[in-house]
């Protein structure tokens, strides 16, 4: 009997252990459904072959496009929201077999082999133990360890003046205000704000604003907005200007990126934005 496909947010009865070091949970969910914040002692790979996800983990919000996955280490509180109708295929991996030690969540490029292994595991009876399952689990862990991390993310600060500036920019992504204008909203001088961007976020004001716009593009596209509307929402004069910026930053045009048909890590990226508060499968 293959793995049952859940169509709600109920807890799976199957948990990883020494006999079953990797467990697969399959869910098909509608847009706007949420798996409430929780944590567990095993690691997790949340992969969606179809649909856009928003994953809140470790106080950060990751927008995960189709055909990518987010790696969540053991013990990290997390929740998952579907931004479109989605098929979630989630691997729970026993801590003793954790292929990616550390405490950082990361978006991973998912190669064809991992996709096929997940499809094979979905056909196995979760109530039985077999050598085939153990062999598939071992290869999955090997491939997850080797999967390239996708480094595009939007860091958020803790310093209150810089945080106020970043929050204002996120709330007004289409505005083209100068650093001096944003500094006034944050109650700081432009010189101070510029220094704080470099010191705490390790990027300039202009670089951070571009990263912010890239991050916000993901849920806008997930809502089904045309690229021309997304470009306008984010302050670009035209769709072509937005596409040129997108391609320069991520290596591919938006249409290719959001189709989920990339063939290499350099052809795809996951985007992350940190939330103001910390927060599944």
Protein backbone atom coordinates (compact mmCIF):
# COMPACT_ATOMS: atom_id res chain seq x y z
CA UNK A 1 0.00 0.00 0.00
CA UNK A 2 1.59 3.32 -1.05
CA UNK A 3 1.97 6.31 1.22
CA UNK A 4 -1.49 7.82 1.85
CA UNK A 5 -2.00 11.32 0.48
CA UNK A 6 -3.33 13.68 3.13
CA UNK A 7 -5.66 16.45 2.01
CA UNK A 8 -5.67 18.36 5.28
CA UNK A 9 -3.18 19.58 7.86
CA UNK A 10 -3.52 16.66 10.28
CA UNK A 11 -0.42 15.05 11.79
CA UNK A 12 1.04 12.04 10.02
CA UNK A 13 1.13 8.85 12.13
CA UNK A 14 4.52 7.89 10.69
CA UNK A 15 7.68 9.19 12.34
CA UNK A 16 11.30 8.44 11.47
CA UNK A 17 13.34 6.06 13.61
CA UNK A 18 16.25 3.65 13.26
CA UNK A 19 14.16 1.17 11.27
CA UNK A 20 12.69 3.91 9.07
CA UNK A 21 15.33 6.67 9.00
CA UNK A 22 13.47 8.56 6.29
CA UNK A 23 9.71 8.98 6.27
CA UNK A 24 7.70 10.52 3.45
CA UNK A 25 4.57 12.55 4.14
CA UNK A 26 2.42 13.37 1.10
CA UNK A 27 -0.08 16.24 1.20
CA UNK A 28 -2.21 17.85 -1.47
CA UNK A 29 -3.45 21.21 -0.21
CA UNK A 30 -5.47 24.10 -1.55
CA UNK A 31 -4.25 27.66 -1.69
CA UNK A 32 -4.08 29.46 1.65
CA UNK A 33 -3.85 26.40 3.89
CA UNK A 34 -1.44 26.53 6.81
CA UNK A 35 0.41 23.90 8.81
CA UNK A 36 0.61 25.46 12.26
CA UNK A 37 3.96 26.31 13.88
CA UNK A 38 5.66 23.34 15.49
CA UNK A 39 9.03 21.66 15.85
CA UNK A 40 10.27 18.08 16.12
CA UNK A 41 13.51 16.22 16.86
CA UNK A 42 14.04 15.10 13.26
CA UNK A 43 15.21 17.05 10.21
CA UNK A 44 12.85 17.91 7.39
CA UNK A 45 13.00 18.52 3.65
CA UNK A 46 9.86 20.26 2.41
CA UNK A 47 9.55 19.85 -1.35
CA UNK A 48 6.70 20.92 -3.61
CA UNK A 49 6.65 19.47 -7.12
CA UNK A 50 3.70 21.76 -7.76
CA UNK A 51 2.74 25.00 -6.07
CA UNK A 52 4.40 27.90 -4.26
CA UNK A 53 5.12 27.67 -0.53
CA UNK A 54 5.80 30.15 2.20
CA UNK A 55 7.79 28.55 4.99
CA UNK A 56 8.37 30.36 8.26
CA UNK A 57 11.29 28.90 10.15
CA UNK A 58 13.82 30.25 12.57
CA UNK A 59 12.19 33.67 12.48
CA UNK A 60 12.52 33.97 8.70
CA UNK A 61 10.04 33.63 5.86
CA UNK A 62 11.20 31.64 2.86
CA UNK A 63 9.28 31.75 -0.41
CA UNK A 64 9.90 28.38 -2.07
CA UNK A 65 8.98 28.11 -5.78
CA UNK A 66 7.93 24.82 -7.41
CA UNK A 67 10.61 22.16 -7.93
CA UNK A 68 12.76 23.43 -5.05
CA UNK A 69 12.80 22.48 -1.39
CA UNK A 70 13.66 23.98 1.97
CA UNK A 71 15.87 22.16 4.43
CA UNK A 72 14.79 22.55 8.08
CA UNK A 73 17.19 21.22 10.76
CA UNK A 74 15.92 19.33 13.83
CA UNK A 75 14.31 21.40 16.55
CA UNK A 76 13.59 24.49 14.43
CA UNK A 77 10.03 25.86 14.86
CA UNK A 78 8.39 26.16 11.44
CA UNK A 79 5.11 26.54 9.62
CA UNK A 80 4.09 26.13 5.99
CA UNK A 81 1.55 28.19 4.07
CA UNK A 82 0.48 27.32 0.54
CA UNK A 83 0.45 30.37 -1.73
CA UNK A 84 -1.20 28.32 -4.47
CA UNK A 85 -2.65 24.85 -4.81
CA UNK A 86 0.27 22.63 -3.86
CA UNK A 87 1.49 19.07 -3.70
CA UNK A 88 3.82 18.74 -0.71
CA UNK A 89 6.20 15.83 -0.48
CA UNK A 90 7.97 16.12 2.86
CA UNK A 91 10.85 13.98 4.08
CA UNK A 92 11.31 13.53 7.81
CA UNK A 93 14.84 12.30 8.53
CA UNK A 94 15.92 10.76 11.83
CA UNK A 95 18.51 12.92 13.58
CA UNK A 96 20.99 10.03 13.60
CA UNK A 97 20.95 10.11 9.77
CA UNK A 98 20.94 13.90 9.38
CA UNK A 99 22.79 14.60 6.10
CA UNK A 100 23.17 18.36 6.68
CA UNK A 101 24.38 19.11 10.23
CA UNK A 102 23.91 22.65 11.48
CA UNK A 103 21.10 24.93 12.54
CA UNK A 104 20.51 26.96 9.37
CA UNK A 105 17.50 26.54 7.12
CA UNK A 106 18.36 26.71 3.43
CA UNK A 107 16.62 26.44 0.08
CA UNK A 108 18.05 23.61 -2.00
CA UNK A 109 18.04 22.86 -5.69
CA UNK A 110 16.37 19.48 -6.18
CA UNK A 111 17.99 17.32 -8.84
CA UNK A 112 16.06 14.81 -10.99
CA UNK A 113 17.44 11.88 -8.96
CA UNK A 114 16.00 13.23 -5.69
CA UNK A 115 12.66 13.78 -7.40
CA UNK A 116 12.63 10.19 -8.68
CA UNK A 117 13.66 8.77 -5.29
CA UNK A 118 10.84 10.68 -3.61
CA UNK A 119 8.41 9.30 -6.21
CA UNK A 120 9.69 5.76 -5.55
CA UNK A 121 9.39 6.16 -1.77
CA UNK A 122 5.81 7.34 -2.19
CA UNK A 123 4.98 3.92 -3.65
CA UNK A 124 6.29 2.00 -0.63
CA UNK A 125 4.10 0.76 2.20
CA UNK A 126 4.92 2.99 5.21
CA UNK A 127 3.72 0.34 7.64
CA UNK A 128 6.28 -2.22 6.43
CA UNK A 129 10.06 -2.39 6.59
CA UNK A 130 12.02 -3.45 3.55
CA UNK A 131 15.58 -3.33 2.27
CA UNK A 132 14.48 -1.29 -0.72
CA UNK A 133 13.24 1.50 1.55
CA UNK A 134 16.54 1.56 3.44
CA UNK A 135 18.54 1.70 0.20
CA UNK A 136 16.39 4.54 -1.15
CA UNK A 137 16.75 6.36 2.17
CA UNK A 138 20.53 6.06 2.06
CA UNK A 139 20.74 7.46 -1.46
CA UNK A 140 18.31 10.25 -0.60
CA UNK A 141 20.49 11.32 2.34
CA UNK A 142 23.55 11.19 0.09
CA UNK A 143 21.89 13.38 -2.53
CA UNK A 144 20.45 15.84 -0.01
CA UNK A 145 23.93 16.27 1.46
CA UNK A 146 25.27 17.08 -2.01
CA UNK A 147 22.36 19.30 -3.08
CA UNK A 148 23.51 22.85 -3.83
CA UNK A 149 22.25 25.52 -1.49
CA UNK A 150 20.65 28.55 -3.11
CA UNK A 151 22.06 31.63 -1.39
CA UNK A 152 19.65 34.37 -2.45
CA UNK A 153 18.00 35.78 0.67
CA UNK A 154 17.01 39.05 2.28
CA UNK A 155 18.73 39.65 5.63
CA UNK A 156 16.86 41.72 8.20
CA UNK A 157 18.51 43.73 10.98
CA UNK A 158 18.03 43.89 14.73
CA UNK A 159 19.20 47.51 15.20
CA UNK A 160 15.97 49.47 15.71
CA UNK A 161 16.69 52.40 13.35
CA UNK A 162 17.83 50.13 10.55
CA UNK A 163 14.89 47.80 11.20
CA UNK A 164 12.50 50.75 10.95
CA UNK A 165 14.06 51.72 7.61
CA UNK A 166 13.83 48.17 6.25
CA UNK A 167 10.24 47.76 7.40
CA UNK A 168 9.35 51.04 5.70
CA UNK A 169 10.98 49.94 2.46
CA UNK A 170 9.13 46.61 2.52
CA UNK A 171 5.84 48.46 3.04
CA UNK A 172 6.61 50.80 0.09
CA UNK A 173 8.48 48.64 -2.46
CA UNK A 174 7.54 50.83 -5.45
CA UNK A 175 8.90 54.02 -3.94
CA UNK A 176 12.20 55.30 -5.31
CA UNK A 177 13.00 57.44 -2.28
CA UNK A 178 16.63 58.27 -1.64
CA UNK A 179 18.58 57.13 1.39
CA UNK A 180 18.10 60.58 2.89
CA UNK A 181 14.30 60.31 2.68
CA UNK A 182 14.25 56.77 4.11
CA UNK A 183 16.57 57.88 6.90
CA UNK A 184 14.08 60.53 7.98
CA UNK A 185 11.35 57.86 8.25
CA UNK A 186 13.73 55.84 10.46
CA UNK A 187 14.74 58.73 12.69
CA UNK A 188 18.38 58.57 11.66
CA UNK A 189 20.79 60.46 9.47
CA UNK A 190 21.60 59.17 5.99
CA UNK A 191 25.23 58.72 7.02
CA UNK A 192 24.28 56.63 10.05
CA UNK A 193 21.85 54.51 8.05
CA UNK A 194 24.40 53.91 5.32
CA UNK A 195 26.93 52.78 7.93
CA UNK A 196 24.37 50.47 9.56
CA UNK A 197 23.49 48.80 6.23
CA UNK A 198 27.14 48.02 5.62
CA UNK A 199 27.93 46.98 9.19
CA UNK A 200 24.89 44.84 10.02
CA UNK A 201 23.64 43.61 6.64
CA UNK A 202 26.93 43.63 4.71
CA UNK A 203 25.38 45.32 1.70
CA UNK A 204 24.56 48.81 0.55
CA UNK A 205 21.16 50.48 0.77
CA UNK A 206 20.70 50.07 -3.00
CA UNK A 207 21.70 46.38 -2.93
CA UNK A 208 19.34 45.64 -0.04
CA UNK A 209 16.41 47.35 -1.76
CA UNK A 210 16.97 45.24 -4.90
CA UNK A 211 17.07 42.06 -2.79
CA UNK A 212 13.86 43.13 -1.09
CA UNK A 213 12.12 43.62 -4.42
CA UNK A 214 13.27 40.22 -5.62
CA UNK A 215 11.89 38.61 -2.46
CA UNK A 216 8.53 40.34 -2.78
CA UNK A 217 8.27 39.29 -6.43
CA UNK A 218 7.82 35.64 -5.45
CA UNK A 219 4.44 35.86 -3.66
CA UNK A 220 3.18 38.40 -6.20
CA UNK A 221 3.83 35.97 -9.06
CA UNK A 222 2.34 33.17 -6.94
CA UNK A 223 -0.88 35.19 -6.77
CA UNK A 224 -1.04 34.97 -10.55
CA UNK A 225 -0.25 38.62 -11.26
CA UNK A 226 1.16 39.26 -14.74
CA UNK A 227 4.82 40.28 -14.81
CA UNK A 228 3.89 43.77 -15.99
CA UNK A 229 1.79 44.24 -12.83
CA UNK A 230 4.56 42.78 -10.64
CA UNK A 231 7.04 45.20 -12.20
CA UNK A 232 4.74 48.14 -11.44
CA UNK A 233 4.09 46.96 -7.86
CA UNK A 234 7.84 46.86 -7.24
CA UNK A 235 8.68 50.22 -8.76
CA UNK A 236 10.04 49.26 -12.18
CA UNK A 237 9.18 51.43 -15.17
CA UNK A 238 8.43 48.44 -17.39
CA UNK A 239 8.25 44.67 -17.47
CA UNK A 240 11.45 44.57 -19.49
CA UNK A 241 13.30 46.63 -16.84
CA UNK A 242 12.11 44.24 -14.12
CA UNK A 243 13.03 41.19 -16.23
CA UNK A 244 16.50 42.58 -16.92
CA UNK A 245 17.13 43.14 -13.21
CA UNK A 246 15.76 39.68 -12.39
CA UNK A 247 17.96 37.98 -14.97
CA UNK A 248 21.04 39.88 -13.85
CA UNK A 249 20.45 38.87 -10.22
CA UNK A 250 19.32 35.26 -10.70
CA UNK A 251 20.75 34.22 -14.05
CA UNK A 252 17.45 33.48 -15.80
CA UNK A 253 14.37 35.52 -16.81
CA UNK A 254 11.34 35.38 -14.49
CA UNK A 255 9.33 33.11 -16.80
CA UNK A 256 11.99 30.41 -16.68
CA UNK A 257 12.55 30.78 -12.95
CA UNK A 258 8.89 30.44 -12.01
CA UNK A 259 8.23 27.58 -14.43
CA UNK A 260 10.33 25.29 -12.26
CA UNK A 261 12.04 23.68 -15.26
CA UNK A 262 15.62 24.67 -14.50
CA UNK A 263 18.31 22.12 -15.11
CA UNK A 264 21.04 23.35 -12.79
CA UNK A 265 21.59 25.25 -9.59
CA UNK A 266 22.74 28.28 -11.54
CA UNK A 267 19.36 28.37 -13.27
CA UNK A 268 17.20 28.65 -10.15
CA UNK A 269 16.92 30.36 -6.83
CA UNK A 270 14.77 30.35 -3.71
CA UNK A 271 14.06 33.61 -1.96
CA UNK A 272 13.93 34.41 1.72
CA UNK A 273 12.79 37.34 3.83
CA UNK A 274 13.15 37.48 7.58
CA UNK A 275 10.02 38.05 9.62
CA UNK A 276 9.66 40.28 12.64
CA UNK A 277 8.90 37.34 14.90
CA UNK A 278 9.88 33.69 15.01
CA UNK A 279 7.55 31.02 14.17
CA UNK A 280 5.64 22.60 9.08
CA UNK A 281 4.62 19.59 7.96
